[in-house]
C-alpha atoms as a PDB file:
ATOM      1  CA  MET A   1      18.443 164.844  61.938  1.00  0.00           C
ATOM      2  CA  ILE A   2      17.702 165.770  58.333  1.00  0.00           C
ATOM      3  CA  ARG A   3      21.166 167.299  58.013  1.00  0.00           C
ATOM      4  CA  LEU A   4      22.789 164.063  59.209  1.00  0.00           C
ATOM      5  CA  GLU A   5      20.757 162.026  56.696  1.00  0.00           C
ATOM      6  CA  ILE A   6      21.814 164.350  53.869  1.00  0.00           C
ATOM      7  CA  MET A   7      25.463 164.092  54.928  1.00  0.00           C
ATOM      8  CA  ALA A   8      25.265 160.292  55.146  1.00  0.00           C
ATOM      9  CA  ARG A   9      23.680 160.099  51.696  1.00  0.00           C
ATOM     10  CA  LYS A  10      26.331 162.453  50.309  1.00  0.00           C
ATOM     11  CA  THR A  11      29.100 160.319  51.824  1.00  0.00           C
ATOM     12  CA  LYS A  12      27.581 157.180  50.352  1.00  0.00           C
ATOM     13  CA  GLU A  13      27.258 158.791  46.912  1.00  0.00           C
ATOM     14  CA  ASP A  14      30.870 160.007  47.050  1.00  0.00           C
ATOM     15  CA  ALA A  15      32.069 156.524  48.010  1.00  0.00           C
ATOM     16  CA  GLN A  16      30.153 154.968  45.100  1.00  0.00           C
ATOM     17  CA  LYS A  17      31.545 157.579  42.735  1.00  0.00           C
ATOM     18  CA  SER A  18      35.085 156.699  43.836  1.00  0.00           C
ATOM     19  CA  ARG A  19      34.442 152.971  43.406  1.00  0.00           C
ATOM     20  CA  ASP A  20      33.080 153.542  39.912  1.00  0.00           C
ATOM     21  CA  GLN A  21      36.095 155.708  39.108  1.00  0.00           C
ATOM     22  CA  ILE A  22      38.421 152.927  40.268  1.00  0.00           C
ATOM     23  CA  LEU A  23      36.594 150.211  38.331  1.00  0.00           C
ATOM     24  CA  ASP A  24      36.399 152.327  35.170  1.00  0.00           C
ATOM     25  CA  ALA A  25      40.150 152.848  35.359  1.00  0.00           C
ATOM     26  CA  ALA A  26      40.768 149.166  36.149  1.00  0.00           C
ATOM     27  CA  GLU A  27      39.028 148.110  32.924  1.00  0.00           C
ATOM     28  CA  HIS A  28      41.656 149.914  30.877  1.00  0.00           C
ATOM     29  CA  VAL A  29      44.605 148.905  33.071  1.00  0.00           C
ATOM     30  CA  PHE A  30      43.761 145.189  33.134  1.00  0.00           C
ATOM     31  CA  TYR A  31      42.865 145.222  29.435  1.00  0.00           C
ATOM     32  CA  ARG A  32      46.229 146.741  28.593  1.00  0.00           C
ATOM     33  CA  LYS A  33      48.491 144.916  31.072  1.00  0.00           C
ATOM     34  CA  GLY A  34      46.681 141.759  32.174  1.00  0.00           C
ATOM     35  CA  PHE A  35      46.359 140.676  35.783  1.00  0.00           C
ATOM     36  CA  THR A  36      49.973 139.781  36.583  1.00  0.00           C
ATOM     37  CA  LEU A  37      51.608 142.987  35.352  1.00  0.00           C
ATOM     38  CA  ALA A  38      48.928 145.419  36.567  1.00  0.00           C
ATOM     39  CA  THR A  39      49.476 147.042  39.962  1.00  0.00           C
ATOM     40  CA  MET A  40      47.331 148.974  42.391  1.00  0.00           C
ATOM     41  CA  ALA A  41      49.569 151.959  41.633  1.00  0.00           C
ATOM     42  CA  ASP A  42      48.645 151.671  37.937  1.00  0.00           C
ATOM     43  CA  ILE A  43      44.956 151.623  38.821  1.00  0.00           C
ATOM     44  CA  ALA A  44      45.291 154.575  41.183  1.00  0.00           C
ATOM     45  CA  GLU A  45      47.125 156.590  38.536  1.00  0.00           C
ATOM     46  CA  ALA A  46      44.542 155.784  35.862  1.00  0.00           C
ATOM     47  CA  ALA A  47      41.724 156.669  38.281  1.00  0.00           C
ATOM     48  CA  GLN A  48      43.522 159.883  39.294  1.00  0.00           C
ATOM     49  CA  LEU A  49      43.309 158.877  42.942  1.00  0.00           C
ATOM     50  CA  SER A  50      45.904 158.148  45.610  1.00  0.00           C
ATOM     51  CA  ARG A  51      46.854 154.549  46.310  1.00  0.00           C
ATOM     52  CA  GLY A  52      45.459 155.032  49.806  1.00  0.00           C
ATOM     53  CA  ALA A  53      42.092 155.989  48.340  1.00  0.00           C
ATOM     54  CA  VAL A  54      42.066 152.839  46.195  1.00  0.00           C
ATOM     55  CA  TYR A  55      43.056 150.638  49.136  1.00  0.00           C
ATOM     56  CA  GLY A  56      40.310 152.314  51.139  1.00  0.00           C
ATOM     57  CA  HIS A  57      37.790 150.569  48.889  1.00  0.00           C
ATOM     58  CA  TYR A  58      39.610 147.400  47.787  1.00  0.00           C
ATOM     59  CA  LYS A  59      42.142 145.192  49.569  1.00  0.00           C
ATOM     60  CA  GLY A  60      44.135 144.381  46.445  1.00  0.00           C
ATOM     61  CA  LYS A  61      44.047 144.007  42.696  1.00  0.00           C
ATOM     62  CA  LEU A  62      42.223 140.650  42.788  1.00  0.00           C
ATOM     63  CA  GLU A  63      39.343 142.308  44.635  1.00  0.00           C
ATOM     64  CA  VAL A  64      39.393 145.186  42.128  1.00  0.00           C
ATOM     65  CA  ALA A  65      39.434 142.811  39.146  1.00  0.00           C
ATOM     66  CA  THR A  66      36.594 140.710  40.560  1.00  0.00           C
ATOM     67  CA  ALA A  67      34.420 143.742  41.303  1.00  0.00           C
ATOM     68  CA  MET A  68      35.192 145.195  37.867  1.00  0.00           C
ATOM     69  CA  ALA A  69      34.224 142.012  36.025  1.00  0.00           C
ATOM     70  CA  GLU A  70      31.117 141.350  38.143  1.00  0.00           C
ATOM     71  CA  ARG A  71      29.842 144.884  37.564  1.00  0.00           C
ATOM     72  CA  VAL A  72      30.163 144.703  33.787  1.00  0.00           C
ATOM     73  CA  ILE A  73      28.758 141.169  33.447  1.00  0.00           C
ATOM     74  CA  GLN A  74      25.735 142.077  35.589  1.00  0.00           C
ATOM     75  CA  GLN A  75      25.103 145.219  33.549  1.00  0.00           C
ATOM     76  CA  ALA A  76      25.491 143.511  30.157  1.00  0.00           C
ATOM     77  CA  SER A  77      22.284 143.819  28.160  1.00  0.00           C
ATOM     78  CA  PRO A  78      20.533 140.444  27.801  1.00  0.00           C
ATOM     79  CA  PHE A  79      19.602 139.236  24.348  1.00  0.00           C
ATOM     80  CA  GLN A  80      16.120 140.340  23.311  1.00  0.00           C
ATOM     81  CA  ALA A  81      14.533 137.850  20.926  1.00  0.00           C
ATOM     82  CA  ASP A  82      12.344 139.353  18.200  1.00  0.00           C
ATOM     83  CA  PRO A  83       8.926 137.639  18.454  1.00  0.00           C
ATOM     84  CA  VAL A  84       8.346 138.216  14.731  1.00  0.00           C
ATOM     85  CA  LEU A  85      11.393 136.137  13.751  1.00  0.00           C
ATOM     86  CA  SER A  86      11.851 132.385  13.862  1.00  0.00           C
ATOM     87  CA  ALA A  87      13.886 130.868  16.677  1.00  0.00           C
ATOM     88  CA  LEU A  88      16.742 130.066  14.276  1.00  0.00           C
ATOM     89  CA  ALA A  89      16.744 133.640  12.946  1.00  0.00           C
ATOM     90  CA  ASN A  90      16.934 134.881  16.534  1.00  0.00           C
ATOM     91  CA  LEU A  91      19.757 132.419  17.151  1.00  0.00           C
ATOM     92  CA  LYS A  92      21.685 133.972  14.264  1.00  0.00           C
ATOM     93  CA  HIS A  93      21.192 137.455  15.723  1.00  0.00           C
ATOM     94  CA  TYR A  94      22.292 136.195  19.119  1.00  0.00           C
ATOM     95  CA  CYS A  95      25.477 134.712  17.640  1.00  0.00           C
ATOM     96  CA  LEU A  96      26.237 138.034  15.949  1.00  0.00           C
ATOM     97  CA  GLN A  97      25.577 139.915  19.190  1.00  0.00           C
ATOM     98  CA  GLU A  98      28.028 137.648  21.000  1.00  0.00           C
ATOM     99  CA  VAL A  99      30.704 138.158  18.337  1.00  0.00           C
ATOM    100  CA  ARG A 100      30.243 141.922  18.561  1.00  0.00           C
ATOM    101  CA  SER A 101      30.572 141.816  22.351  1.00  0.00           C
ATOM    102  CA  TYR A 102      34.064 140.347  21.944  1.00  0.00           C
ATOM    103  CA  ILE A 103      35.183 142.764  19.229  1.00  0.00           C
ATOM    104  CA  GLU A 104      33.585 146.213  19.407  1.00  0.00           C
ATOM    105  CA  PRO A 105      35.284 148.516  21.957  1.00  0.00           C
ATOM    106  CA  SER A 106      33.190 148.733  25.124  1.00  0.00           C
ATOM    107  CA  SER A 107      33.307 147.812  28.807  1.00  0.00           C
ATOM    108  CA  ILE A 108      32.088 144.290  28.096  1.00  0.00           C
ATOM    109  CA  GLN A 109      34.688 143.830  25.344  1.00  0.00           C
ATOM    110  CA  ARG A 110      37.520 144.946  27.657  1.00  0.00           C
ATOM    111  CA  VAL A 111      36.351 142.718  30.501  1.00  0.00           C
ATOM    112  CA  LEU A 112      35.812 139.659  28.285  1.00  0.00           C
ATOM    113  CA  PHE A 113      39.246 140.133  26.703  1.00  0.00           C
ATOM    114  CA  PHE A 114      40.706 140.286  30.209  1.00  0.00           C
ATOM    115  CA  LEU A 115      38.819 137.183  31.391  1.00  0.00           C
ATOM    116  CA  TYR A 116      39.879 135.138  28.363  1.00  0.00           C
ATOM    117  CA  VAL A 117      43.414 136.421  27.866  1.00  0.00           C
ATOM    118  CA  GLY A 118      44.746 138.237  30.914  1.00  0.00           C
ATOM    119  CA  ILE A 119      43.721 136.456  34.124  1.00  0.00           C
ATOM    120  CA  ASP A 120      46.497 133.850  34.480  1.00  0.00           C
ATOM    121  CA  ASP A 121      44.011 131.173  35.604  1.00  0.00           C
ATOM    122  CA  SER A 122      43.089 132.886  38.866  1.00  0.00           C
ATOM    123  CA  PRO A 123      40.261 130.676  40.304  1.00  0.00           C
ATOM    124  CA  GLU A 124      38.057 133.638  41.290  1.00  0.00           C
ATOM    125  CA  LEU A 125      38.302 135.190  37.840  1.00  0.00           C
ATOM    126  CA  LEU A 126      37.976 131.866  36.040  1.00  0.00           C
ATOM    127  CA  GLN A 127      34.677 131.397  37.856  1.00  0.00           C
ATOM    128  CA  LEU A 128      33.430 134.684  36.404  1.00  0.00           C
ATOM    129  CA  ARG A 129      34.400 133.524  32.926  1.00  0.00           C
ATOM    130  CA  PHE A 130      32.538 130.267  33.496  1.00  0.00           C
ATOM    131  CA  SER A 131      29.494 132.267  34.630  1.00  0.00           C
ATOM    132  CA  TRP A 132      29.549 134.215  31.371  1.00  0.00           C
ATOM    133  CA  GLU A 133      29.839 130.997  29.364  1.00  0.00           C
ATOM    134  CA  LYS A 134      26.985 129.435  31.332  1.00  0.00           C
ATOM    135  CA  LYS A 135      24.765 132.381  30.404  1.00  0.00           C
ATOM    136  CA  ARG A 136      25.729 131.874  26.750  1.00  0.00           C
ATOM    137  CA  ILE A 137      24.947 128.140  26.872  1.00  0.00           C
ATOM    138  CA  THR A 138      21.604 128.841  28.566  1.00  0.00           C
ATOM    139  CA  GLN A 139      20.627 131.362  25.901  1.00  0.00           C
ATOM    140  CA  ILE A 140      21.579 129.013  23.058  1.00  0.00           C
ATOM    141  CA  SER A 141      19.658 126.163  24.692  1.00  0.00           C
ATOM    142  CA  GLN A 142      16.538 128.302  25.039  1.00  0.00           C
ATOM    143  CA  LEU A 143      16.599 129.281  21.368  1.00  0.00           C
ATOM    144  CA  LEU A 144      17.264 125.723  20.226  1.00  0.00           C
ATOM    145  CA  SER A 145      14.417 124.421  22.408  1.00  0.00           C
ATOM    146  CA  GLN A 146      12.131 127.004  20.852  1.00  0.00           C
ATOM    147  CA  ALA A 147      13.251 125.949  17.379  1.00  0.00           C
ATOM    148  CA  ILE A 148      12.392 122.339  18.175  1.00  0.00           C
ATOM    149  CA  ALA A 149       9.020 123.364  19.625  1.00  0.00           C
ATOM    150  CA  ASN A 150       8.336 125.344  16.432  1.00  0.00           C
ATOM    151  CA  GLN A 151       9.367 122.327  14.320  1.00  0.00           C
ATOM    152  CA  GLU A 152      12.210 124.295  12.780  1.00  0.00           C
ATOM    153  CA  LEU A 153      14.446 121.451  13.975  1.00  0.00           C
ATOM    154  CA  PRO A 154      13.589 117.752  14.364  1.00  0.00           C
ATOM    155  CA  ALA A 155      12.621 116.626  17.862  1.00  0.00           C
ATOM    156  CA  ASP A 156      15.199 113.789  17.840  1.00  0.00           C
ATOM    157  CA  ILE A 157      18.154 116.022  16.989  1.00  0.00           C
ATOM    158  CA  ASP A 158      21.300 115.599  19.116  1.00  0.00           C
ATOM    159  CA  PHE A 159      20.695 118.610  21.374  1.00  0.00           C
ATOM    160  CA  ASP A 160      24.076 118.617  23.137  1.00  0.00           C
ATOM    161  CA  LEU A 161      25.914 118.373  19.829  1.00  0.00           C
ATOM    162  CA  ILE A 162      24.078 121.234  18.165  1.00  0.00           C
ATOM    163  CA  SER A 163      24.519 123.365  21.289  1.00  0.00           C
ATOM    164  CA  LEU A 164      28.276 122.795  21.071  1.00  0.00           C
ATOM    165  CA  TYR A 165      28.108 123.486  17.345  1.00  0.00           C
ATOM    166  CA  CYS A 166      26.463 126.887  17.964  1.00  0.00           C
ATOM    167  CA  GLN A 167      29.137 127.756  20.502  1.00  0.00           C
ATOM    168  CA  SER A 168      31.809 126.816  17.964  1.00  0.00           C
ATOM    169  CA  VAL A 169      30.101 129.034  15.366  1.00  0.00           C
ATOM    170  CA  ILE A 170      30.431 132.031  17.699  1.00  0.00           C
ATOM    171  CA  GLU A 171      34.071 131.277  18.418  1.00  0.00           C
ATOM    172  CA  GLY A 172      34.890 130.548  14.777  1.00  0.00           C
ATOM    173  CA  VAL A 173      33.231 133.683  13.400  1.00  0.00           C
ATOM    174  CA  PHE A 174      34.967 135.732  16.092  1.00  0.00           C
ATOM    175  CA  SER A 175      38.373 134.361  15.054  1.00  0.00           C
ATOM    176  CA  VAL A 176      37.798 135.058  11.359  1.00  0.00           C
ATOM    177  CA  VAL A 177      36.462 138.556  11.928  1.00  0.00           C
ATOM    178  CA  TYR A 178      38.840 139.614  14.693  1.00  0.00           C
ATOM    179  CA  PHE A 179      42.070 138.329  13.172  1.00  0.00           C
ATOM    180  CA  GLY A 180      41.178 138.846   9.517  1.00  0.00           C
ATOM    181  CA  SER A 181      42.343 141.905   7.587  1.00  0.00           C
ATOM    182  CA  MET A 182      38.915 143.212   6.589  1.00  0.00           C
ATOM    183  CA  SER A 183      37.384 146.657   6.552  1.00  0.00           C
ATOM    184  CA  GLU A 184      34.724 147.494   9.142  1.00  0.00           C
ATOM    185  CA  ASN A 185      31.879 147.125   6.640  1.00  0.00           C
ATOM    186  CA  GLU A 186      33.213 143.883   5.188  1.00  0.00           C
ATOM    187  CA  ARG A 187      33.867 142.509   8.683  1.00  0.00           C
ATOM    188  CA  TRP A 188      30.228 142.531   9.731  1.00  0.00           C
ATOM    189  CA  GLN A 189      28.925 141.587   6.296  1.00  0.00           C
ATOM    190  CA  ARG A 190      31.107 138.474   6.411  1.00  0.00           C
ATOM    191  CA  ALA A 191      30.148 137.783  10.019  1.00  0.00           C
ATOM    192  CA  GLU A 192      26.456 137.744   9.106  1.00  0.00           C
ATOM    193  CA  GLN A 193      27.086 135.569   6.056  1.00  0.00           C
ATOM    194  CA  LEU A 194      29.110 133.092   8.095  1.00  0.00           C
ATOM    195  CA  CYS A 195      26.466 132.888  10.838  1.00  0.00           C
ATOM    196  CA  THR A 196      23.704 132.443   8.273  1.00  0.00           C
ATOM    197  CA  TYR A 197      25.565 129.736   6.386  1.00  0.00           C
ATOM    198  CA  SER A 198      26.624 127.908   9.553  1.00  0.00           C
ATOM    199  CA  LEU A 199      23.176 127.858  11.140  1.00  0.00           C
ATOM    200  CA  GLN A 200      21.532 126.688   7.913  1.00  0.00           C
ATOM    201  CA  ARG A 201      23.427 123.442   8.524  1.00  0.00           C
ATOM    202  CA  LEU A 202      21.182 122.757  11.512  1.00  0.00           C
ATOM    203  CA  SER A 203      18.202 122.206   9.239  1.00  0.00           C
ATOM    204  CA  LEU A 204      20.010 119.585   7.141  1.00  0.00           C
ATOM    205  CA  PRO A 205      19.975 115.862   7.940  1.00  0.00           C
ATOM    206  CA  PHE A 206      22.731 114.907  10.369  1.00  0.00           C
ATOM    207  CA  SER A 207      24.947 111.935   9.583  1.00  0.00           C
ATOM    208  CA  HIS A 208      26.419 109.883  12.442  1.00  0.00           C
ATOM    209  CA  ALA A 209      29.072 108.422  10.145  1.00  0.00           C
END
């Protein structure tokens, strides 16, 4: 009985190891080729497994891509606000963390690049991108609500507008840093300066004109 339990556990561990191997390989294949051009053969080759072994775990590349993206998004480290800092200071750090997640090489960077650039509007994968964006909006809203509660921002401020503004700051800083011809040190110095300058605008009177 004990022997059978050990064998079953070993089989389960081996299966999980193979799935992780496939998904690790898929990150690089989909990042490099996008969804349309990538094939199950490409993934099998990158994973150093037979195509049969890959199909033994996943029915096709859409299932692989979905599992790959879900795994990375679920494992992404949530933002940890520093209780010593103001809500707006934490918001700046969050914006910088988001920009880094799109730029610095990592699993989350490869998956986000794929979801924004390489999915060809597949509904299942678009839904994962929307889930990521929803998490971003929720985090921004929490920090803005805290800033209002702390009287760092006026209570009557246009909440939806400033939430959109913060999202545009992330996207704008990303574009400048990612596409600009700056050194690594200058890149992140400029990113912090841009986030600081942009978020200072929230404390200024807003004109409806």
